[in-house]
Full PDB file with SEQRES, HELIX, SHEET, SSBOND, CRYST1, ORIGX, SCALE, CONECT and MASTER records, all heavy atoms in Angstrom:
SEQRES   1 A   30  PHE ILE ARG ASP LEU SER LEU LEU LEU GLU GLN TRP ARG          
SEQRES   2 A   30  LYS ILE GLU GLU ALA VAL LYS THR ARG PRO ALA PRO CYS          
SEQRES   3 A   30  CYS VAL PHE GLU                                              
HELIX    1 AA1 ILE A    2  THR A   21  1                                  20    
CRYST1    1.000    1.000    1.000  90.00  90.00  90.00 P 1           1          
ORIGX1      1.000000  0.000000  0.000000        0.00000                         
ORIGX2      0.000000  1.000000  0.000000        0.00000                         
ORIGX3      0.000000  0.000000  1.000000        0.00000                         
SCALE1      1.000000  0.000000  0.000000        0.00000                         
SCALE2      0.000000  1.000000  0.000000        0.00000                         
SCALE3      0.000000  0.000000  1.000000        0.00000                         
ATOM      1  N   PHE A   1     -41.088 -84.471 -16.341  1.00  0.00           N  
ATOM      2  CA  PHE A   1     -41.677 -83.176 -16.088  1.00  0.00           C  
ATOM      3  C   PHE A   1     -42.399 -83.137 -14.760  1.00  0.00           C  
ATOM      4  O   PHE A   1     -42.375 -82.126 -14.038  1.00  0.00           O  
ATOM      5  CB  PHE A   1     -42.623 -82.761 -17.255  1.00  0.00           C  
ATOM      6  CG  PHE A   1     -41.897 -82.563 -18.568  1.00  0.00           C  
ATOM      7  CD1 PHE A   1     -41.952 -83.484 -19.594  1.00  0.00           C  
ATOM      8  CD2 PHE A   1     -41.093 -81.412 -18.788  1.00  0.00           C  
ATOM      9  CE1 PHE A   1     -41.283 -83.324 -20.764  1.00  0.00           C  
ATOM     10  CE2 PHE A   1     -40.491 -81.276 -19.964  1.00  0.00           C  
ATOM     11  CZ  PHE A   1     -40.557 -82.163 -21.041  1.00  0.00           C  
ATOM     12  N   ILE A   2     -43.174 -84.266 -14.488  1.00  0.00           N  
ATOM     13  CA  ILE A   2     -43.933 -84.350 -13.270  1.00  0.00           C  
ATOM     14  C   ILE A   2     -42.944 -84.210 -12.035  1.00  0.00           C  
ATOM     15  O   ILE A   2     -43.207 -83.532 -11.087  1.00  0.00           O  
ATOM     16  CB  ILE A   2     -44.752 -85.669 -13.189  1.00  0.00           C  
ATOM     17  CG1 ILE A   2     -45.806 -85.600 -14.245  1.00  0.00           C  
ATOM     18  CG2 ILE A   2     -45.356 -85.878 -11.816  1.00  0.00           C  
ATOM     19  CD1 ILE A   2     -46.536 -86.952 -14.519  1.00  0.00           C  
ATOM     20  N   ARG A   3     -41.840 -85.031 -12.114  1.00  0.00           N  
ATOM     21  CA  ARG A   3     -40.829 -85.025 -11.076  1.00  0.00           C  
ATOM     22  C   ARG A   3     -40.184 -83.685 -10.886  1.00  0.00           C  
ATOM     23  O   ARG A   3     -40.012 -83.154  -9.767  1.00  0.00           O  
ATOM     24  CB  ARG A   3     -39.794 -86.060 -11.358  1.00  0.00           C  
ATOM     25  CG  ARG A   3     -38.841 -86.354 -10.215  1.00  0.00           C  
ATOM     26  CD  ARG A   3     -37.698 -87.262 -10.642  1.00  0.00           C  
ATOM     27  NE  ARG A   3     -38.158 -88.538 -11.220  1.00  0.00           N  
ATOM     28  CZ  ARG A   3     -37.370 -89.302 -11.966  1.00  0.00           C  
ATOM     29  NH1 ARG A   3     -36.181 -88.978 -12.251  1.00  0.00           N  
ATOM     30  NH2 ARG A   3     -37.838 -90.406 -12.438  1.00  0.00           N  
ATOM     31  N   ASP A   4     -39.837 -83.026 -12.017  1.00  0.00           N  
ATOM     32  CA  ASP A   4     -39.242 -81.656 -11.978  1.00  0.00           C  
ATOM     33  C   ASP A   4     -40.144 -80.693 -11.402  1.00  0.00           C  
ATOM     34  O   ASP A   4     -39.678 -79.858 -10.552  1.00  0.00           O  
ATOM     35  CB  ASP A   4     -38.904 -81.260 -13.398  1.00  0.00           C  
ATOM     36  CG  ASP A   4     -37.648 -80.391 -13.474  1.00  0.00           C  
ATOM     37  OD1 ASP A   4     -36.813 -80.518 -12.599  1.00  0.00           O  
ATOM     38  OD2 ASP A   4     -37.592 -79.568 -14.421  1.00  0.00           O  
ATOM     39  N   LEU A   5     -41.421 -80.706 -11.715  1.00  0.00           N  
ATOM     40  CA  LEU A   5     -42.392 -79.763 -11.153  1.00  0.00           C  
ATOM     41  C   LEU A   5     -42.511 -79.961  -9.657  1.00  0.00           C  
ATOM     42  O   LEU A   5     -42.608 -78.977  -8.867  1.00  0.00           O  
ATOM     43  CB  LEU A   5     -43.786 -79.959 -11.839  1.00  0.00           C  
ATOM     44  CG  LEU A   5     -44.923 -79.103 -11.316  1.00  0.00           C  
ATOM     45  CD1 LEU A   5     -44.564 -77.611 -11.524  1.00  0.00           C  
ATOM     46  CD2 LEU A   5     -46.207 -79.421 -12.012  1.00  0.00           C  
ATOM     47  N   SER A   6     -42.527 -81.191  -9.177  1.00  0.00           N  
ATOM     48  CA  SER A   6     -42.618 -81.530  -7.781  1.00  0.00           C  
ATOM     49  C   SER A   6     -41.428 -80.931  -7.019  1.00  0.00           C  
ATOM     50  O   SER A   6     -41.677 -80.312  -5.945  1.00  0.00           O  
ATOM     51  CB  SER A   6     -42.669 -83.063  -7.582  1.00  0.00           C  
ATOM     52  OG  SER A   6     -42.656 -83.365  -6.219  1.00  0.00           O  
ATOM     53  N   LEU A   7     -40.195 -81.077  -7.535  1.00  0.00           N  
ATOM     54  CA  LEU A   7     -39.050 -80.513  -6.903  1.00  0.00           C  
ATOM     55  C   LEU A   7     -39.092 -78.963  -6.824  1.00  0.00           C  
ATOM     56  O   LEU A   7     -38.725 -78.344  -5.820  1.00  0.00           O  
ATOM     57  CB  LEU A   7     -37.738 -80.932  -7.698  1.00  0.00           C  
ATOM     58  CG  LEU A   7     -37.358 -82.422  -7.622  1.00  0.00           C  
ATOM     59  CD1 LEU A   7     -36.258 -82.746  -8.583  1.00  0.00           C  
ATOM     60  CD2 LEU A   7     -36.955 -82.807  -6.186  1.00  0.00           C  
ATOM     61  N   LEU A   8     -39.593 -78.332  -7.926  1.00  0.00           N  
ATOM     62  CA  LEU A   8     -39.667 -76.889  -7.990  1.00  0.00           C  
ATOM     63  C   LEU A   8     -40.705 -76.350  -7.001  1.00  0.00           C  
ATOM     64  O   LEU A   8     -40.489 -75.322  -6.366  1.00  0.00           O  
ATOM     65  CB  LEU A   8     -39.985 -76.400  -9.342  1.00  0.00           C  
ATOM     66  CG  LEU A   8     -38.866 -76.553 -10.431  1.00  0.00           C  
ATOM     67  CD1 LEU A   8     -39.395 -76.331 -11.828  1.00  0.00           C  
ATOM     68  CD2 LEU A   8     -37.702 -75.680 -10.155  1.00  0.00           C  
ATOM     69  N   LEU A   9     -41.840 -77.031  -6.848  1.00  0.00           N  
ATOM     70  CA  LEU A   9     -42.845 -76.634  -5.932  1.00  0.00           C  
ATOM     71  C   LEU A   9     -42.390 -76.742  -4.477  1.00  0.00           C  
ATOM     72  O   LEU A   9     -42.687 -75.914  -3.613  1.00  0.00           O  
ATOM     73  CB  LEU A   9     -44.145 -77.432  -6.119  1.00  0.00           C  
ATOM     74  CG  LEU A   9     -44.906 -77.139  -7.402  1.00  0.00           C  
ATOM     75  CD1 LEU A   9     -46.070 -78.137  -7.631  1.00  0.00           C  
ATOM     76  CD2 LEU A   9     -45.504 -75.721  -7.426  1.00  0.00           C  
ATOM     77  N   GLU A  10     -41.581 -77.762  -4.224  1.00  0.00           N  
ATOM     78  CA  GLU A  10     -41.020 -77.944  -2.851  1.00  0.00           C  
ATOM     79  C   GLU A  10     -40.050 -76.762  -2.572  1.00  0.00           C  
ATOM     80  O   GLU A  10     -39.999 -76.253  -1.474  1.00  0.00           O  
ATOM     81  CB  GLU A  10     -40.261 -79.308  -2.809  1.00  0.00           C  
ATOM     82  CG  GLU A  10     -39.657 -79.568  -1.480  1.00  0.00           C  
ATOM     83  CD  GLU A  10     -40.704 -79.603  -0.327  1.00  0.00           C  
ATOM     84  OE1 GLU A  10     -41.828 -80.002  -0.537  1.00  0.00           O  
ATOM     85  OE2 GLU A  10     -40.232 -79.233   0.779  1.00  0.00           O  
ATOM     86  N   GLN A  11     -39.262 -76.375  -3.598  1.00  0.00           N  
ATOM     87  CA  GLN A  11     -38.357 -75.240  -3.397  1.00  0.00           C  
ATOM     88  C   GLN A  11     -39.150 -73.990  -3.094  1.00  0.00           C  
ATOM     89  O   GLN A  11     -38.741 -73.213  -2.196  1.00  0.00           O  
ATOM     90  CB  GLN A  11     -37.564 -75.015  -4.733  1.00  0.00           C  
ATOM     91  CG  GLN A  11     -36.259 -75.715  -4.889  1.00  0.00           C  
ATOM     92  CD  GLN A  11     -35.548 -75.382  -6.143  1.00  0.00           C  
ATOM     93  OE1 GLN A  11     -35.921 -74.403  -6.845  1.00  0.00           O  
ATOM     94  NE2 GLN A  11     -34.484 -76.139  -6.488  1.00  0.00           N  
ATOM     95  N   TRP A  12     -40.262 -73.773  -3.815  1.00  0.00           N  
ATOM     96  CA  TRP A  12     -41.061 -72.590  -3.594  1.00  0.00           C  
ATOM     97  C   TRP A  12     -41.666 -72.531  -2.205  1.00  0.00           C  
ATOM     98  O   TRP A  12     -41.768 -71.490  -1.575  1.00  0.00           O  
ATOM     99  CB  TRP A  12     -42.112 -72.481  -4.657  1.00  0.00           C  
ATOM    100  CG  TRP A  12     -42.981 -71.285  -4.477  1.00  0.00           C  
ATOM    101  CD1 TRP A  12     -44.309 -71.200  -4.276  1.00  0.00           C  
ATOM    102  CD2 TRP A  12     -42.587 -69.925  -4.557  1.00  0.00           C  
ATOM    103  NE1 TRP A  12     -44.798 -69.939  -4.139  1.00  0.00           N  
ATOM    104  CE2 TRP A  12     -43.706 -69.096  -4.263  1.00  0.00           C  
ATOM    105  CE3 TRP A  12     -41.340 -69.274  -4.745  1.00  0.00           C  
ATOM    106  CZ2 TRP A  12     -43.661 -67.707  -4.241  1.00  0.00           C  
ATOM    107  CZ3 TRP A  12     -41.294 -67.894  -4.704  1.00  0.00           C  
ATOM    108  CH2 TRP A  12     -42.438 -67.114  -4.456  1.00  0.00           C  
ATOM    109  N   ARG A  13     -42.041 -73.725  -1.712  1.00  0.00           N  
ATOM    110  CA  ARG A  13     -42.670 -73.800  -0.336  1.00  0.00           C  
ATOM    111  C   ARG A  13     -41.626 -73.395   0.660  1.00  0.00           C  
ATOM    112  O   ARG A  13     -41.965 -72.630   1.629  1.00  0.00           O  
ATOM    113  CB  ARG A  13     -43.125 -75.179  -0.032  1.00  0.00           C  
ATOM    114  CG  ARG A  13     -44.539 -75.497  -0.623  1.00  0.00           C  
ATOM    115  CD  ARG A  13     -45.091 -76.780  -0.046  1.00  0.00           C  
ATOM    116  NE  ARG A  13     -44.530 -77.974  -0.683  1.00  0.00           N  
ATOM    117  CZ  ARG A  13     -45.011 -78.494  -1.844  1.00  0.00           C  
ATOM    118  NH1 ARG A  13     -46.091 -78.006  -2.409  1.00  0.00           N  
ATOM    119  NH2 ARG A  13     -44.433 -79.590  -2.323  1.00  0.00           N  
ATOM    120  N   LYS A  14     -40.375 -73.787   0.530  1.00  0.00           N  
ATOM    121  CA  LYS A  14     -39.279 -73.408   1.435  1.00  0.00           C  
ATOM    122  C   LYS A  14     -39.055 -71.881   1.357  1.00  0.00           C  
ATOM    123  O   LYS A  14     -38.788 -71.225   2.360  1.00  0.00           O  
ATOM    124  CB  LYS A  14     -38.006 -74.138   1.074  1.00  0.00           C  
ATOM    125  CG  LYS A  14     -38.082 -75.597   1.411  1.00  0.00           C  
ATOM    126  CD  LYS A  14     -36.799 -76.315   1.013  1.00  0.00           C  
ATOM    127  CE  LYS A  14     -36.833 -77.797   1.324  1.00  0.00           C  
ATOM    128  NZ  LYS A  14     -35.645 -78.531   0.785  1.00  0.00           N  
ATOM    129  N   ILE A  15     -39.094 -71.317   0.138  1.00  0.00           N  
ATOM    130  CA  ILE A  15     -38.923 -69.839  -0.024  1.00  0.00           C  
ATOM    131  C   ILE A  15     -40.079 -69.128   0.750  1.00  0.00           C  
ATOM    132  O   ILE A  15     -39.839 -68.107   1.492  1.00  0.00           O  
ATOM    133  CB  ILE A  15     -38.892 -69.452  -1.487  1.00  0.00           C  
ATOM    134  CG1 ILE A  15     -37.688 -70.002  -2.166  1.00  0.00           C  
ATOM    135  CG2 ILE A  15     -39.014 -67.911  -1.662  1.00  0.00           C  
ATOM    136  CD1 ILE A  15     -37.655 -69.903  -3.667  1.00  0.00           C  
ATOM    137  N   GLU A  16     -41.262 -69.518   0.546  1.00  0.00           N  
ATOM    138  CA  GLU A  16     -42.405 -68.901   1.238  1.00  0.00           C  
ATOM    139  C   GLU A  16     -42.253 -68.951   2.755  1.00  0.00           C  
ATOM    140  O   GLU A  16     -42.592 -67.972   3.473  1.00  0.00           O  
ATOM    141  CB  GLU A  16     -43.709 -69.587   0.806  1.00  0.00           C  
ATOM    142  CG  GLU A  16     -44.139 -69.214  -0.617  1.00  0.00           C  
ATOM    143  CD  GLU A  16     -45.560 -69.788  -0.969  1.00  0.00           C  
ATOM    144  OE1 GLU A  16     -45.675 -71.006  -0.742  1.00  0.00           O  
ATOM    145  OE2 GLU A  16     -46.391 -69.034  -1.456  1.00  0.00           O  
ATOM    146  N   GLU A  17     -41.802 -70.086   3.250  1.00  0.00           N  
ATOM    147  CA  GLU A  17     -41.599 -70.250   4.669  1.00  0.00           C  
ATOM    148  C   GLU A  17     -40.538 -69.279   5.185  1.00  0.00           C  
ATOM    149  O   GLU A  17     -40.664 -68.642   6.249  1.00  0.00           O  
ATOM    150  CB  GLU A  17     -41.188 -71.695   4.982  1.00  0.00           C  
ATOM    151  CG  GLU A  17     -41.117 -72.048   6.415  1.00  0.00           C  
ATOM    152  CD  GLU A  17     -42.474 -71.962   7.096  1.00  0.00           C  
ATOM    153  OE1 GLU A  17     -43.517 -72.237   6.443  1.00  0.00           O  
ATOM    154  OE2 GLU A  17     -42.493 -71.570   8.299  1.00  0.00           O  
ATOM    155  N   ALA A  18     -39.429 -69.126   4.413  1.00  0.00           N  
ATOM    156  CA  ALA A  18     -38.358 -68.260   4.766  1.00  0.00           C  
ATOM    157  C   ALA A  18     -38.771 -66.790   4.813  1.00  0.00           C  
ATOM    158  O   ALA A  18     -38.374 -65.931   5.660  1.00  0.00           O  
ATOM    159  CB  ALA A  18     -37.150 -68.425   3.827  1.00  0.00           C  
ATOM    160  N   VAL A  19     -39.614 -66.414   3.817  1.00  0.00           N  
ATOM    161  CA  VAL A  19     -40.170 -65.009   3.749  1.00  0.00           C  
ATOM    162  C   VAL A  19     -40.971 -64.646   4.975  1.00  0.00           C  
ATOM    163  O   VAL A  19     -40.879 -63.587   5.539  1.00  0.00           O  
ATOM    164  CB  VAL A  19     -41.028 -64.852   2.488  1.00  0.00           C  
ATOM    165  CG1 VAL A  19     -41.761 -63.500   2.504  1.00  0.00           C  
ATOM    166  CG2 VAL A  19     -40.156 -64.976   1.200  1.00  0.00           C  
ATOM    167  N   LYS A  20     -41.730 -65.637   5.494  1.00  0.00           N  
ATOM    168  CA  LYS A  20     -42.573 -65.388   6.652  1.00  0.00           C  
ATOM    169  C   LYS A  20     -41.778 -65.324   7.963  1.00  0.00           C  
ATOM    170  O   LYS A  20     -42.175 -64.607   8.842  1.00  0.00           O  
ATOM    171  CB  LYS A  20     -43.596 -66.524   6.784  1.00  0.00           C  
ATOM    172  CG  LYS A  20     -44.666 -66.467   5.688  1.00  0.00           C  
ATOM    173  CD  LYS A  20     -45.521 -67.730   5.796  1.00  0.00           C  
ATOM    174  CE  LYS A  20     -46.493 -67.831   4.623  1.00  0.00           C  
ATOM    175  NZ  LYS A  20     -47.167 -69.104   4.556  1.00  0.00           N  
ATOM    176  N   THR A  21     -40.665 -66.038   8.028  1.00  0.00           N  
ATOM    177  CA  THR A  21     -39.973 -66.219   9.307  1.00  0.00           C  
ATOM    178  C   THR A  21     -38.737 -65.339   9.450  1.00  0.00           C  
ATOM    179  O   THR A  21     -38.294 -65.094  10.583  1.00  0.00           O  
ATOM    180  CB  THR A  21     -39.575 -67.698   9.513  1.00  0.00           C  
ATOM    181  OG1 THR A  21     -38.769 -68.126   8.392  1.00  0.00           O  
ATOM    182  CG2 THR A  21     -40.791 -68.564   9.637  1.00  0.00           C  
ATOM    183  N   ARG A  22     -38.118 -64.910   8.321  1.00  0.00           N  
ATOM    184  CA  ARG A  22     -36.844 -64.139   8.468  1.00  0.00           C  
ATOM    185  C   ARG A  22     -37.032 -62.693   8.170  1.00  0.00           C  
ATOM    186  O   ARG A  22     -37.800 -62.289   7.270  1.00  0.00           O  
ATOM    187  CB  ARG A  22     -35.806 -64.775   7.522  1.00  0.00           C  
ATOM    188  CG  ARG A  22     -35.457 -66.228   7.914  1.00  0.00           C  
ATOM    189  CD  ARG A  22     -34.734 -66.956   6.821  1.00  0.00           C  
ATOM    190  NE  ARG A  22     -33.456 -66.355   6.482  1.00  0.00           N  
ATOM    191  CZ  ARG A  22     -32.607 -66.762   5.540  1.00  0.00           C  
ATOM    192  NH1 ARG A  22     -32.997 -67.849   4.800  1.00  0.00           N  
ATOM    193  NH2 ARG A  22     -31.471 -66.194   5.308  1.00  0.00           N  
ATOM    194  N   PRO A  23     -36.242 -61.802   8.922  1.00  0.00           N  
ATOM    195  CA  PRO A  23     -36.410 -60.347   8.736  1.00  0.00           C  
ATOM    196  C   PRO A  23     -35.678 -59.880   7.511  1.00  0.00           C  
ATOM    197  O   PRO A  23     -34.659 -60.396   7.094  1.00  0.00           O  
ATOM    198  CB  PRO A  23     -35.752 -59.793   9.998  1.00  0.00           C  
ATOM    199  CG  PRO A  23     -34.738 -60.800  10.447  1.00  0.00           C  
ATOM    200  CD  PRO A  23     -35.330 -62.141  10.051  1.00  0.00           C  
ATOM    201  N   ALA A  24     -36.225 -58.822   6.818  1.00  0.00           N  
ATOM    202  CA  ALA A  24     -35.615 -58.360   5.573  1.00  0.00           C  
ATOM    203  C   ALA A  24     -34.574 -57.277   5.939  1.00  0.00           C  
ATOM    204  O   ALA A  24     -34.682 -56.623   7.007  1.00  0.00           O  
ATOM    205  CB  ALA A  24     -36.693 -57.676   4.704  1.00  0.00           C  
ATOM    206  N   PRO A  25     -33.595 -57.004   5.163  1.00  0.00           N  
ATOM    207  CA  PRO A  25     -33.215 -57.786   3.857  1.00  0.00           C  
ATOM    208  C   PRO A  25     -32.545 -59.133   4.192  1.00  0.00           C  
ATOM    209  O   PRO A  25     -31.641 -59.131   5.014  1.00  0.00           O  
ATOM    210  CB  PRO A  25     -32.315 -56.861   3.161  1.00  0.00           C  
ATOM    211  CG  PRO A  25     -31.603 -56.058   4.178  1.00  0.00           C  
ATOM    212  CD  PRO A  25     -32.569 -55.883   5.303  1.00  0.00           C  
ATOM    213  N   CYS A  26     -32.914 -60.159   3.494  1.00  0.00           N  
ATOM    214  CA  CYS A  26     -32.237 -61.403   3.642  1.00  0.00           C  
ATOM    215  C   CYS A  26     -32.332 -62.231   2.426  1.00  0.00           C  
ATOM    216  O   CYS A  26     -33.216 -62.030   1.589  1.00  0.00           O  
ATOM    217  CB  CYS A  26     -32.818 -62.163   4.879  1.00  0.00           C  
ATOM    218  SG  CYS A  26     -34.495 -62.772   4.594  1.00  0.00           S  
ATOM    219  N   CYS A  27     -31.445 -63.193   2.268  1.00  0.00           N  
ATOM    220  CA  CYS A  27     -31.449 -64.079   1.088  1.00  0.00           C  
ATOM    221  C   CYS A  27     -32.293 -65.271   1.403  1.00  0.00           C  
ATOM    222  O   CYS A  27     -31.960 -66.083   2.367  1.00  0.00           O  
ATOM    223  CB  CYS A  27     -29.997 -64.511   0.765  1.00  0.00           C  
ATOM    224  SG  CYS A  27     -29.939 -65.653  -0.673  1.00  0.00           S  
ATOM    225  N   VAL A  28     -33.366 -65.510   0.711  1.00  0.00           N  
ATOM    226  CA  VAL A  28     -34.287 -66.691   1.022  1.00  0.00           C  
ATOM    227  C   VAL A  28     -34.073 -67.832   0.047  1.00  0.00           C  
ATOM    228  O   VAL A  28     -34.581 -68.931   0.331  1.00  0.00           O  
ATOM    229  CB  VAL A  28     -35.775 -66.269   0.995  1.00  0.00           C  
ATOM    230  CG1 VAL A  28     -36.107 -65.293   2.096  1.00  0.00           C  
ATOM    231  CG2 VAL A  28     -36.191 -65.620  -0.395  1.00  0.00           C  
ATOM    232  N   PHE A  29     -33.340 -67.590  -1.016  1.00  0.00           N  
ATOM    233  CA  PHE A  29     -33.009 -68.667  -1.975  1.00  0.00           C  
ATOM    234  C   PHE A  29     -31.801 -68.303  -2.806  1.00  0.00           C  
ATOM    235  O   PHE A  29     -31.660 -67.159  -3.211  1.00  0.00           O  
ATOM    236  CB  PHE A  29     -34.156 -68.963  -2.861  1.00  0.00           C  
ATOM    237  CG  PHE A  29     -33.937 -70.041  -3.968  1.00  0.00           C  
ATOM    238  CD1 PHE A  29     -33.908 -71.388  -3.576  1.00  0.00           C  
ATOM    239  CD2 PHE A  29     -33.627 -69.684  -5.199  1.00  0.00           C  
ATOM    240  CE1 PHE A  29     -33.642 -72.318  -4.535  1.00  0.00           C  
ATOM    241  CE2 PHE A  29     -33.351 -70.687  -6.200  1.00  0.00           C  
ATOM    242  CZ  PHE A  29     -33.387 -71.970  -5.842  1.00  0.00           C  
ATOM    243  N   GLU A  30     -30.903 -69.269  -2.997  1.00  0.00           N  
ATOM    244  CA  GLU A  30     -29.721 -69.053  -3.820  1.00  0.00           C  
ATOM    245  C   GLU A  30     -29.736 -70.072  -4.992  1.00  0.00           C  
ATOM    246  O   GLU A  30     -30.148 -71.176  -4.802  1.00  0.00           O  
ATOM    247  CB  GLU A  30     -28.451 -69.222  -2.985  1.00  0.00           C  
ATOM    248  CG  GLU A  30     -27.965 -67.912  -2.424  1.00  0.00           C  
ATOM    249  CD  GLU A  30     -26.529 -68.069  -1.786  1.00  0.00           C  
ATOM    250  OE1 GLU A  30     -26.443 -68.780  -0.804  1.00  0.00           O  
ATOM    251  OE2 GLU A  30     -25.569 -67.481  -2.297  1.00  0.00           O  
TER     252      GLU A  30                                                      
MASTER        0    0    0    1    0    0    0    6  251    1    0    3          
END                                                                             
């Protein structure tokens, strides 16, 4: 569970970064 949570939080950090840098509408995670 600890390892799974770590991977998911890393995914979320990448999504937040994409939201800040890319113009809408765009796909930030698939």
